[in-house]
C-alpha atoms as a PDB file:
ATOM      1  CA  UNK A   1     -32.571  28.182   8.108  1.00  0.00           C
ATOM      2  CA  UNK A   2     -34.939  30.109   5.835  1.00  0.00           C
ATOM      3  CA  UNK A   3     -36.153  26.781   4.448  1.00  0.00           C
ATOM      4  CA  UNK A   4     -36.820  25.637   8.035  1.00  0.00           C
ATOM      5  CA  UNK A   5     -38.916  28.760   8.688  1.00  0.00           C
ATOM      6  CA  UNK A   6     -40.880  28.096   5.504  1.00  0.00           C
ATOM      7  CA  UNK A   7     -41.397  24.499   6.635  1.00  0.00           C
ATOM      8  CA  UNK A   8     -42.953  25.726   9.891  1.00  0.00           C
ATOM      9  CA  UNK A   9     -45.174  28.193   8.037  1.00  0.00           C
ATOM     10  CA  UNK A  10     -46.479  25.416   5.776  1.00  0.00           C
ATOM     11  CA  UNK A  11     -46.891  23.052   8.728  1.00  0.00           C
ATOM     12  CA  UNK A  12     -48.876  25.708  10.574  1.00  0.00           C
ATOM     13  CA  UNK A  13     -51.201  26.215   7.595  1.00  0.00           C
ATOM     14  CA  UNK A  14     -51.837  22.461   7.500  1.00  0.00           C
ATOM     15  CA  UNK A  15     -52.299  22.276  11.268  1.00  0.00           C
ATOM     16  CA  UNK A  16     -54.704  25.240  11.234  1.00  0.00           C
ATOM     17  CA  UNK A  17     -56.779  23.714   8.419  1.00  0.00           C
ATOM     18  CA  UNK A  18     -57.144  20.496  10.421  1.00  0.00           C
ATOM     19  CA  UNK A  19     -57.533  21.963  13.915  1.00  0.00           C
ATOM     20  CA  UNK A  20     -58.993  25.466  13.608  1.00  0.00           C
ATOM     21  CA  UNK A  21     -55.933  27.183  15.048  1.00  0.00           C
ATOM     22  CA  UNK A  22     -52.163  27.086  15.024  1.00  0.00           C
ATOM     23  CA  UNK A  23     -50.064  24.681  17.106  1.00  0.00           C
ATOM     24  CA  UNK A  24     -49.126  25.628  20.656  1.00  0.00           C
ATOM     25  CA  UNK A  25     -45.496  24.541  20.160  1.00  0.00           C
ATOM     26  CA  UNK A  26     -43.020  23.139  17.673  1.00  0.00           C
ATOM     27  CA  UNK A  27     -43.311  19.813  19.522  1.00  0.00           C
ATOM     28  CA  UNK A  28     -47.016  19.674  18.646  1.00  0.00           C
ATOM     29  CA  UNK A  29     -46.160  20.137  14.957  1.00  0.00           C
ATOM     30  CA  UNK A  30     -43.724  17.237  15.285  1.00  0.00           C
ATOM     31  CA  UNK A  31     -46.334  15.042  16.990  1.00  0.00           C
ATOM     32  CA  UNK A  32     -48.645  15.790  14.042  1.00  0.00           C
ATOM     33  CA  UNK A  33     -45.825  14.626  11.699  1.00  0.00           C
ATOM     34  CA  UNK A  34     -45.566  18.075  10.122  1.00  0.00           C
ATOM     35  CA  UNK A  35     -41.960  18.914  11.085  1.00  0.00           C
ATOM     36  CA  UNK A  36     -38.944  16.810  12.055  1.00  0.00           C
ATOM     37  CA  UNK A  37     -37.743  16.197  15.607  1.00  0.00           C
ATOM     38  CA  UNK A  38     -34.590  18.321  15.236  1.00  0.00           C
ATOM     39  CA  UNK A  39     -36.588  21.410  14.333  1.00  0.00           C
ATOM     40  CA  UNK A  40     -39.135  20.622  17.055  1.00  0.00           C
ATOM     41  CA  UNK A  41     -36.292  20.543  19.605  1.00  0.00           C
ATOM     42  CA  UNK A  42     -35.496  24.181  18.800  1.00  0.00           C
ATOM     43  CA  UNK A  43     -31.956  23.412  17.598  1.00  0.00           C
ATOM     44  CA  UNK A  44     -31.243  22.586  13.965  1.00  0.00           C
ATOM     45  CA  UNK A  45     -28.603  23.391  11.361  1.00  0.00           C
ATOM     46  CA  UNK A  46     -26.495  25.658  13.621  1.00  0.00           C
ATOM     47  CA  UNK A  47     -29.591  27.688  14.596  1.00  0.00           C
ATOM     48  CA  UNK A  48     -31.731  28.093  17.695  1.00  0.00           C
ATOM     49  CA  UNK A  49     -35.457  28.407  16.986  1.00  0.00           C
ATOM     50  CA  UNK A  50     -37.746  30.208  19.438  1.00  0.00           C
ATOM     51  CA  UNK A  51     -41.523  29.864  19.016  1.00  0.00           C
ATOM     52  CA  UNK A  52     -44.236  32.009  20.618  1.00  0.00           C
ATOM     53  CA  UNK A  53     -47.944  31.323  20.057  1.00  0.00           C
ATOM     54  CA  UNK A  54     -50.345  34.276  20.377  1.00  0.00           C
ATOM     55  CA  UNK A  55     -53.749  33.490  21.866  1.00  0.00           C
ATOM     56  CA  UNK A  56     -56.666  35.541  20.537  1.00  0.00           C
ATOM     57  CA  UNK A  57     -60.144  34.896  21.975  1.00  0.00           C
ATOM     58  CA  UNK A  58     -59.043  31.536  23.395  1.00  0.00           C
ATOM     59  CA  UNK A  59     -57.462  30.237  20.169  1.00  0.00           C
ATOM     60  CA  UNK A  60     -53.970  30.409  18.738  1.00  0.00           C
ATOM     61  CA  UNK A  61     -54.542  32.566  15.679  1.00  0.00           C
ATOM     62  CA  UNK A  62     -51.075  34.110  15.469  1.00  0.00           C
ATOM     63  CA  UNK A  63     -47.516  32.979  16.119  1.00  0.00           C
ATOM     64  CA  UNK A  64     -43.961  34.274  16.041  1.00  0.00           C
ATOM     65  CA  UNK A  65     -40.904  32.208  15.196  1.00  0.00           C
ATOM     66  CA  UNK A  66     -37.324  33.439  15.468  1.00  0.00           C
ATOM     67  CA  UNK A  67     -34.134  31.767  14.265  1.00  0.00           C
ATOM     68  CA  UNK A  68     -30.701  32.869  15.445  1.00  0.00           C
ATOM     69  CA  UNK A  69     -27.305  31.276  14.892  1.00  0.00           C
ATOM     70  CA  UNK A  70     -26.173  29.298  17.907  1.00  0.00           C
ATOM     71  CA  UNK A  71     -22.817  30.970  17.137  1.00  0.00           C
ATOM     72  CA  UNK A  72     -22.124  33.326  14.271  1.00  0.00           C
ATOM     73  CA  UNK A  73     -19.826  31.651  11.734  1.00  0.00           C
ATOM     74  CA  UNK A  74     -19.131  31.451   8.005  1.00  0.00           C
ATOM     75  CA  UNK A  75     -22.324  29.436   7.469  1.00  0.00           C
ATOM     76  CA  UNK A  76     -24.604  31.014  10.087  1.00  0.00           C
ATOM     77  CA  UNK A  77     -24.633  34.788   9.700  1.00  0.00           C
ATOM     78  CA  UNK A  78     -28.295  35.868   9.678  1.00  0.00           C
ATOM     79  CA  UNK A  79     -31.093  36.040  12.215  1.00  0.00           C
ATOM     80  CA  UNK A  80     -34.628  35.779  10.843  1.00  0.00           C
ATOM     81  CA  UNK A  81     -38.210  35.744  12.038  1.00  0.00           C
ATOM     82  CA  UNK A  82     -41.585  34.817  10.605  1.00  0.00           C
ATOM     83  CA  UNK A  83     -45.226  34.705  11.620  1.00  0.00           C
ATOM     84  CA  UNK A  84     -48.594  33.542  10.319  1.00  0.00           C
ATOM     85  CA  UNK A  85     -48.188  36.014   7.429  1.00  0.00           C
ATOM     86  CA  UNK A  86     -45.369  33.754   6.109  1.00  0.00           C
ATOM     87  CA  UNK A  87     -43.146  36.790   5.491  1.00  0.00           C
ATOM     88  CA  UNK A  88     -39.561  36.145   6.575  1.00  0.00           C
ATOM     89  CA  UNK A  89     -37.627  39.147   7.901  1.00  0.00           C
ATOM     90  CA  UNK A  90     -33.852  38.902   8.328  1.00  0.00           C
ATOM     91  CA  UNK A  91     -30.857  40.808   9.641  1.00  0.00           C
ATOM     92  CA  UNK A  92     -27.124  40.134   9.632  1.00  0.00           C
ATOM     93  CA  UNK A  93     -26.831  41.820  13.033  1.00  0.00           C
ATOM     94  CA  UNK A  94     -26.315  39.718  16.176  1.00  0.00           C
ATOM     95  CA  UNK A  95     -29.893  40.149  17.487  1.00  0.00           C
ATOM     96  CA  UNK A  96     -33.406  38.830  16.972  1.00  0.00           C
ATOM     97  CA  UNK A  97     -34.899  39.887  13.649  1.00  0.00           C
ATOM     98  CA  UNK A  98     -37.942  42.162  13.771  1.00  0.00           C
ATOM     99  CA  UNK A  99     -40.731  43.192  11.411  1.00  0.00           C
ATOM    100  CA  UNK A 100     -38.620  46.265  10.621  1.00  0.00           C
ATOM    101  CA  UNK A 101     -35.948  44.116   8.976  1.00  0.00           C
ATOM    102  CA  UNK A 102     -36.054  43.437   5.216  1.00  0.00           C
ATOM    103  CA  UNK A 103     -38.188  40.630   3.861  1.00  0.00           C
ATOM    104  CA  UNK A 104     -36.169  37.789   2.368  1.00  0.00           C
END
């Protein structure tokens, strides 16, 4: 899951360099061939991914991406989040990760 978050961060950097702003959705990153269809669907590797673009002065210059286990299990025990900073914050609690959680 952390690798998937890093994949989105890298895809967003590439998308921004080519388009002058971040993608409006994970589906757009898939259409640009920057992430795979499973991740773009929001469900991959026992995790649900939730993406939120942040519009600043008419352009998407920030984004938030959360990953939570679809069901906590032996292999899916952490919730994490990232943004355009590429820092990944995680918690083992059954909730969305926040910026207050430790960086992984």
